[in-house]
Amino acid sequence: ICLLVVLIHFSAIQESWFPAPKEFGSLFLGIFDSAPFWWVFIVLSLFAGVCEEVLFRGFIQKGLRTRLGPWGGLIVASIMFGIFHLTPYKLVSTTVLGLWMGFIFQVTGSLWMSIFAHAFNNGLAALAVHFARIHGVEDAVEAGGRQLPITALIIAALLLTILSKVFVQVNSSNTDSV
């Protein structure tokens, strides 16, 4: 959770140095005009989280780990994840998110845990855009930093902590018996 808060602030700073085109904000907010919020939330958080994690952690990072070692695989897969998102003004923050999710996968040994982390991140982004739309703010990062309810962050942090402990315990007990 702390990393996500840092990334939100970093994204805001990065935005001032390397701003996104004005059309990007309206395009991103426009996604919410075409469908109900719950549908967009599910697609952005669950479907994208599952598909991207299966690709980047399940195939790419796992495959690179055999050739480059655990840290080399993590770093290269994360850079590829950042490039994959095709947003040059968010390349660094997206790559750092890839490092975070790849690290979770590497430490827990669970693709489900990195899927949860990815869905959690995308869910926060969807909430930020939703609140931006409600409050008439054009910049989703600004809306996320100012409008996202702290209760959602606290609940998500608790859930992430509980799930990570469960997955780390399961993973360590599985490796002990091998």
C-alpha atoms as a PDB file:
ATOM      1  CA  ILE A   1       0.000   0.000   0.000  1.00  0.00           C
ATOM      2  CA  CYS A   2       2.859   2.350   0.815  1.00  0.00           C
ATOM      3  CA  LEU A   3       4.346   1.790  -2.631  1.00  0.00           C
ATOM      4  CA  LEU A   4       1.029   2.689  -4.266  1.00  0.00           C
ATOM      5  CA  VAL A   5       0.820   5.940  -2.292  1.00  0.00           C
ATOM      6  CA  VAL A   6       4.396   6.790  -3.330  1.00  0.00           C
ATOM      7  CA  LEU A   7       3.560   5.933  -6.956  1.00  0.00           C
ATOM      8  CA  ILE A   8       0.495   8.189  -6.929  1.00  0.00           C
ATOM      9  CA  HIS A   9       2.644  11.078  -5.722  1.00  0.00           C
ATOM     10  CA  PHE A  10       5.447  10.173  -8.134  1.00  0.00           C
ATOM     11  CA  SER A  11       2.942  10.097 -11.002  1.00  0.00           C
ATOM     12  CA  ALA A  12       1.784  13.584 -10.065  1.00  0.00           C
ATOM     13  CA  ILE A  13       5.392  14.842 -10.034  1.00  0.00           C
ATOM     14  CA  GLN A  14       6.188  13.002 -13.268  1.00  0.00           C
ATOM     15  CA  GLU A  15       3.073  14.580 -14.815  1.00  0.00           C
ATOM     16  CA  SER A  16       4.476  18.062 -14.156  1.00  0.00           C
ATOM     17  CA  TRP A  17       7.799  17.146 -15.820  1.00  0.00           C
ATOM     18  CA  PHE A  18       6.438  15.097 -18.697  1.00  0.00           C
ATOM     19  CA  PRO A  19       2.736  15.905 -19.067  1.00  0.00           C
ATOM     20  CA  ALA A  20       0.321  13.626 -20.818  1.00  0.00           C
ATOM     21  CA  PRO A  21      -1.510  15.019 -23.836  1.00  0.00           C
ATOM     22  CA  LYS A  22      -4.781  16.743 -22.913  1.00  0.00           C
ATOM     23  CA  GLU A  23      -6.685  14.262 -25.069  1.00  0.00           C
ATOM     24  CA  PHE A  24      -5.507  11.348 -22.898  1.00  0.00           C
ATOM     25  CA  GLY A  25      -7.421  12.535 -19.821  1.00  0.00           C
ATOM     26  CA  SER A  26     -10.650  12.987 -21.741  1.00  0.00           C
ATOM     27  CA  LEU A  27     -10.141   9.672 -23.557  1.00  0.00           C
ATOM     28  CA  PHE A  28      -9.618   7.843 -20.263  1.00  0.00           C
ATOM     29  CA  LEU A  29     -12.600   9.554 -18.648  1.00  0.00           C
ATOM     30  CA  GLY A  30     -14.606   8.785 -21.804  1.00  0.00           C
ATOM     31  CA  ILE A  31     -14.365   5.057 -21.060  1.00  0.00           C
ATOM     32  CA  PHE A  32     -16.767   5.637 -18.192  1.00  0.00           C
ATOM     33  CA  ASP A  33     -19.296   7.346 -20.466  1.00  0.00           C
ATOM     34  CA  SER A  34     -19.824   4.218 -22.526  1.00  0.00           C
ATOM     35  CA  ALA A  35     -20.748   1.754 -19.763  1.00  0.00           C
ATOM     36  CA  PRO A  36     -21.880   1.594 -16.142  1.00  0.00           C
ATOM     37  CA  PHE A  37     -19.172   2.028 -13.516  1.00  0.00           C
ATOM     38  CA  TRP A  38     -19.421  -1.542 -12.176  1.00  0.00           C
ATOM     39  CA  TRP A  39     -18.800  -2.980 -15.657  1.00  0.00           C
ATOM     40  CA  VAL A  40     -15.776  -0.746 -16.319  1.00  0.00           C
ATOM     41  CA  PHE A  41     -14.470  -1.537 -12.823  1.00  0.00           C
ATOM     42  CA  ILE A  42     -14.656  -5.297 -13.453  1.00  0.00           C
ATOM     43  CA  VAL A  43     -13.034  -5.055 -16.884  1.00  0.00           C
ATOM     44  CA  LEU A  44     -10.239  -2.718 -15.758  1.00  0.00           C
ATOM     45  CA  SER A  45      -9.453  -4.454 -12.500  1.00  0.00           C
ATOM     46  CA  LEU A  46     -10.251  -8.139 -12.871  1.00  0.00           C
ATOM     47  CA  PHE A  47      -9.893  -8.923 -16.556  1.00  0.00           C
ATOM     48  CA  ALA A  48      -6.834  -6.753 -17.142  1.00  0.00           C
ATOM     49  CA  GLY A  49      -5.280  -7.965 -13.892  1.00  0.00           C
ATOM     50  CA  VAL A  50      -5.720 -11.626 -14.770  1.00  0.00           C
ATOM     51  CA  CYS A  51      -4.701 -11.372 -18.433  1.00  0.00           C
ATOM     52  CA  GLU A  52      -1.655  -9.167 -17.914  1.00  0.00           C
ATOM     53  CA  GLU A  53      -0.366 -11.152 -14.936  1.00  0.00           C
ATOM     54  CA  VAL A  54      -0.720 -14.484 -16.718  1.00  0.00           C
ATOM     55  CA  LEU A  55       1.248 -13.008 -19.626  1.00  0.00           C
ATOM     56  CA  PHE A  56       3.917 -11.002 -17.783  1.00  0.00           C
ATOM     57  CA  ARG A  57       4.446 -13.061 -14.610  1.00  0.00           C
ATOM     58  CA  GLY A  58       3.181 -16.491 -15.632  1.00  0.00           C
ATOM     59  CA  PHE A  59       4.938 -16.664 -18.993  1.00  0.00           C
ATOM     60  CA  ILE A  60       7.465 -13.863 -19.483  1.00  0.00           C
ATOM     61  CA  GLN A  61       8.942 -13.500 -15.991  1.00  0.00           C
ATOM     62  CA  LYS A  62       8.890 -17.239 -15.365  1.00  0.00           C
ATOM     63  CA  GLY A  63      10.551 -17.901 -18.745  1.00  0.00           C
ATOM     64  CA  LEU A  64      13.164 -15.182 -18.300  1.00  0.00           C
ATOM     65  CA  ARG A  65      13.918 -16.414 -14.785  1.00  0.00           C
ATOM     66  CA  THR A  66      15.327 -19.644 -16.255  1.00  0.00           C
ATOM     67  CA  ARG A  67      17.665 -17.680 -18.555  1.00  0.00           C
ATOM     68  CA  LEU A  68      18.502 -14.533 -16.584  1.00  0.00           C
ATOM     69  CA  GLY A  69      18.019 -15.633 -12.990  1.00  0.00           C
ATOM     70  CA  PRO A  70      15.296 -14.434 -10.623  1.00  0.00           C
ATOM     71  CA  TRP A  71      16.308 -10.764 -10.486  1.00  0.00           C
ATOM     72  CA  GLY A  72      17.152 -10.462 -14.185  1.00  0.00           C
ATOM     73  CA  GLY A  73      13.820 -12.027 -15.121  1.00  0.00           C
ATOM     74  CA  LEU A  74      11.998  -9.692 -12.740  1.00  0.00           C
ATOM     75  CA  ILE A  75      13.680  -6.554 -14.108  1.00  0.00           C
ATOM     76  CA  VAL A  76      13.344  -7.400 -17.814  1.00  0.00           C
ATOM     77  CA  ALA A  77       9.706  -8.511 -17.446  1.00  0.00           C
ATOM     78  CA  SER A  78       8.938  -5.269 -15.563  1.00  0.00           C
ATOM     79  CA  ILE A  79      10.516  -3.115 -18.262  1.00  0.00           C
ATOM     80  CA  MET A  80       8.523  -5.022 -20.878  1.00  0.00           C
ATOM     81  CA  PHE A  81       5.388  -4.436 -18.766  1.00  0.00           C
ATOM     82  CA  GLY A  82       6.088  -0.687 -18.732  1.00  0.00           C
ATOM     83  CA  ILE A  83       6.671  -0.556 -22.491  1.00  0.00           C
ATOM     84  CA  PHE A  84       3.570  -2.695 -23.149  1.00  0.00           C
ATOM     85  CA  HIS A  85       1.313   0.027 -21.723  1.00  0.00           C
ATOM     86  CA  LEU A  86       2.339   2.380 -24.567  1.00  0.00           C
ATOM     87  CA  THR A  87       2.276   5.527 -22.449  1.00  0.00           C
ATOM     88  CA  PRO A  88       5.733   7.143 -22.567  1.00  0.00           C
ATOM     89  CA  TYR A  89       4.801   9.736 -19.945  1.00  0.00           C
ATOM     90  CA  LYS A  90       3.952   6.916 -17.506  1.00  0.00           C
ATOM     91  CA  LEU A  91       6.748   4.509 -18.474  1.00  0.00           C
ATOM     92  CA  VAL A  92       8.680   4.801 -15.206  1.00  0.00           C
ATOM     93  CA  SER A  93       5.678   4.482 -12.885  1.00  0.00           C
ATOM     94  CA  THR A  94       4.249   1.566 -14.903  1.00  0.00           C
ATOM     95  CA  THR A  95       7.628  -0.184 -14.835  1.00  0.00           C
ATOM     96  CA  VAL A  96       7.825   0.301 -11.052  1.00  0.00           C
ATOM     97  CA  LEU A  97       4.343  -1.200 -10.739  1.00  0.00           C
ATOM     98  CA  GLY A  98       5.591  -4.137 -12.804  1.00  0.00           C
ATOM     99  CA  LEU A  99       8.519  -4.500 -10.397  1.00  0.00           C
ATOM    100  CA  TRP A 100       6.097  -4.478  -7.457  1.00  0.00           C
ATOM    101  CA  MET A 101       3.830  -7.144  -8.950  1.00  0.00           C
ATOM    102  CA  GLY A 102       6.789  -9.201 -10.173  1.00  0.00           C
ATOM    103  CA  PHE A 103       8.380  -9.049  -6.735  1.00  0.00           C
ATOM    104  CA  ILE A 104       5.138 -10.244  -5.157  1.00  0.00           C
ATOM    105  CA  PHE A 105       5.076 -13.140  -7.634  1.00  0.00           C
ATOM    106  CA  GLN A 106       8.715 -13.954  -6.947  1.00  0.00           C
ATOM    107  CA  VAL A 107       8.420 -13.825  -3.148  1.00  0.00           C
ATOM    108  CA  THR A 108       5.105 -15.641  -2.785  1.00  0.00           C
ATOM    109  CA  GLY A 109       5.497 -18.002  -5.730  1.00  0.00           C
ATOM    110  CA  SER A 110       1.817 -17.370  -6.395  1.00  0.00           C
ATOM    111  CA  LEU A 111       0.435 -15.979  -9.615  1.00  0.00           C
ATOM    112  CA  TRP A 112      -2.841 -15.392  -7.736  1.00  0.00           C
ATOM    113  CA  MET A 113      -1.155 -12.943  -5.383  1.00  0.00           C
ATOM    114  CA  SER A 114       0.266 -10.861  -8.231  1.00  0.00           C
ATOM    115  CA  ILE A 115      -3.142 -10.998  -9.960  1.00  0.00           C
ATOM    116  CA  PHE A 116      -4.714  -9.667  -6.765  1.00  0.00           C
ATOM    117  CA  ALA A 117      -2.103  -6.884  -6.525  1.00  0.00           C
ATOM    118  CA  HIS A 118      -2.665  -5.940 -10.172  1.00  0.00           C
ATOM    119  CA  ALA A 119      -6.458  -5.975  -9.829  1.00  0.00           C
ATOM    120  CA  PHE A 120      -6.119  -3.903  -6.653  1.00  0.00           C
ATOM    121  CA  ASN A 121      -3.992  -1.297  -8.437  1.00  0.00           C
ATOM    122  CA  ASN A 122      -6.324  -1.133 -11.430  1.00  0.00           C
ATOM    123  CA  GLY A 123      -9.342  -0.972  -9.108  1.00  0.00           C
ATOM    124  CA  LEU A 124      -7.807   2.069  -7.382  1.00  0.00           C
ATOM    125  CA  ALA A 125      -7.227   3.671 -10.776  1.00  0.00           C
ATOM    126  CA  ALA A 126     -10.831   2.975 -11.797  1.00  0.00           C
ATOM    127  CA  LEU A 127     -12.060   4.495  -8.529  1.00  0.00           C
ATOM    128  CA  ALA A 128      -9.860   7.549  -9.089  1.00  0.00           C
ATOM    129  CA  VAL A 129     -11.290   8.066 -12.572  1.00  0.00           C
ATOM    130  CA  HIS A 130     -14.812   7.511 -11.255  1.00  0.00           C
ATOM    131  CA  PHE A 131     -14.296  10.153  -8.556  1.00  0.00           C
ATOM    132  CA  ALA A 132     -12.700  12.468 -11.129  1.00  0.00           C
ATOM    133  CA  ARG A 133     -15.802  12.135 -13.255  1.00  0.00           C
ATOM    134  CA  ILE A 134     -18.151  12.742 -10.322  1.00  0.00           C
ATOM    135  CA  HIS A 135     -16.239  15.817  -9.172  1.00  0.00           C
ATOM    136  CA  GLY A 136     -15.550  17.190 -12.650  1.00  0.00           C
ATOM    137  CA  VAL A 137     -11.765  16.872 -12.351  1.00  0.00           C
ATOM    138  CA  GLU A 138     -10.020  16.290 -15.671  1.00  0.00           C
ATOM    139  CA  ASP A 139      -6.856  14.739 -14.227  1.00  0.00           C
ATOM    140  CA  ALA A 140      -7.397  11.229 -12.850  1.00  0.00           C
ATOM    141  CA  VAL A 141      -4.109  11.294 -10.858  1.00  0.00           C
ATOM    142  CA  GLU A 142      -5.190  14.516  -9.167  1.00  0.00           C
ATOM    143  CA  ALA A 143      -8.601  13.031  -8.482  1.00  0.00           C
ATOM    144  CA  GLY A 144      -7.068   9.872  -7.044  1.00  0.00           C
ATOM    145  CA  GLY A 145      -4.795  11.859  -4.760  1.00  0.00           C
ATOM    146  CA  ARG A 146      -7.571  14.153  -3.540  1.00  0.00           C
ATOM    147  CA  GLN A 147     -10.821  12.216  -3.742  1.00  0.00           C
ATOM    148  CA  LEU A 148     -10.118   8.505  -3.229  1.00  0.00           C
ATOM    149  CA  PRO A 149     -11.667   7.475   0.082  1.00  0.00           C
ATOM    150  CA  ILE A 150      -9.118   6.514   2.705  1.00  0.00           C
ATOM    151  CA  THR A 151     -11.451   3.723   3.850  1.00  0.00           C
ATOM    152  CA  ALA A 152     -10.920   1.887   0.546  1.00  0.00           C
ATOM    153  CA  LEU A 153      -7.153   2.089   1.008  1.00  0.00           C
ATOM    154  CA  ILE A 154      -7.313   0.803   4.586  1.00  0.00           C
ATOM    155  CA  ILE A 155      -9.592  -2.125   3.693  1.00  0.00           C
ATOM    156  CA  ALA A 156      -7.437  -3.022   0.692  1.00  0.00           C
ATOM    157  CA  ALA A 157      -4.237  -2.807   2.781  1.00  0.00           C
ATOM    158  CA  LEU A 158      -5.693  -5.172   5.375  1.00  0.00           C
ATOM    159  CA  LEU A 159      -6.850  -7.609   2.707  1.00  0.00           C
ATOM    160  CA  LEU A 160      -3.486  -7.494   0.925  1.00  0.00           C
ATOM    161  CA  THR A 161      -1.653  -8.100   4.222  1.00  0.00           C
ATOM    162  CA  ILE A 162      -3.828 -11.071   5.169  1.00  0.00           C
ATOM    163  CA  LEU A 163      -3.618 -12.647   1.714  1.00  0.00           C
ATOM    164  CA  SER A 164       0.136 -12.137   1.439  1.00  0.00           C
ATOM    165  CA  LYS A 165       0.712 -13.848   4.802  1.00  0.00           C
ATOM    166  CA  VAL A 166      -1.429 -16.800   3.714  1.00  0.00           C
ATOM    167  CA  PHE A 167       0.348 -17.145   0.353  1.00  0.00           C
ATOM    168  CA  VAL A 168       3.837 -16.757   1.833  1.00  0.00           C
ATOM    169  CA  GLN A 169       3.057 -19.402   4.473  1.00  0.00           C
ATOM    170  CA  VAL A 170       1.653 -21.789   1.861  1.00  0.00           C
ATOM    171  CA  ASN A 171       4.597 -21.180  -0.453  1.00  0.00           C
ATOM    172  CA  SER A 172       7.210 -21.649   2.302  1.00  0.00           C
ATOM    173  CA  SER A 173       5.554 -24.851   3.512  1.00  0.00           C
ATOM    174  CA  ASN A 174       5.498 -26.207  -0.055  1.00  0.00           C
ATOM    175  CA  THR A 175       9.199 -25.459  -0.579  1.00  0.00           C
ATOM    176  CA  ASP A 176      10.131 -26.968   2.798  1.00  0.00           C
ATOM    177  CA  SER A 177       8.694 -30.333   1.791  1.00  0.00           C
ATOM    178  CA  VAL A 178      10.479 -30.427  -1.588  1.00  0.00           C
END
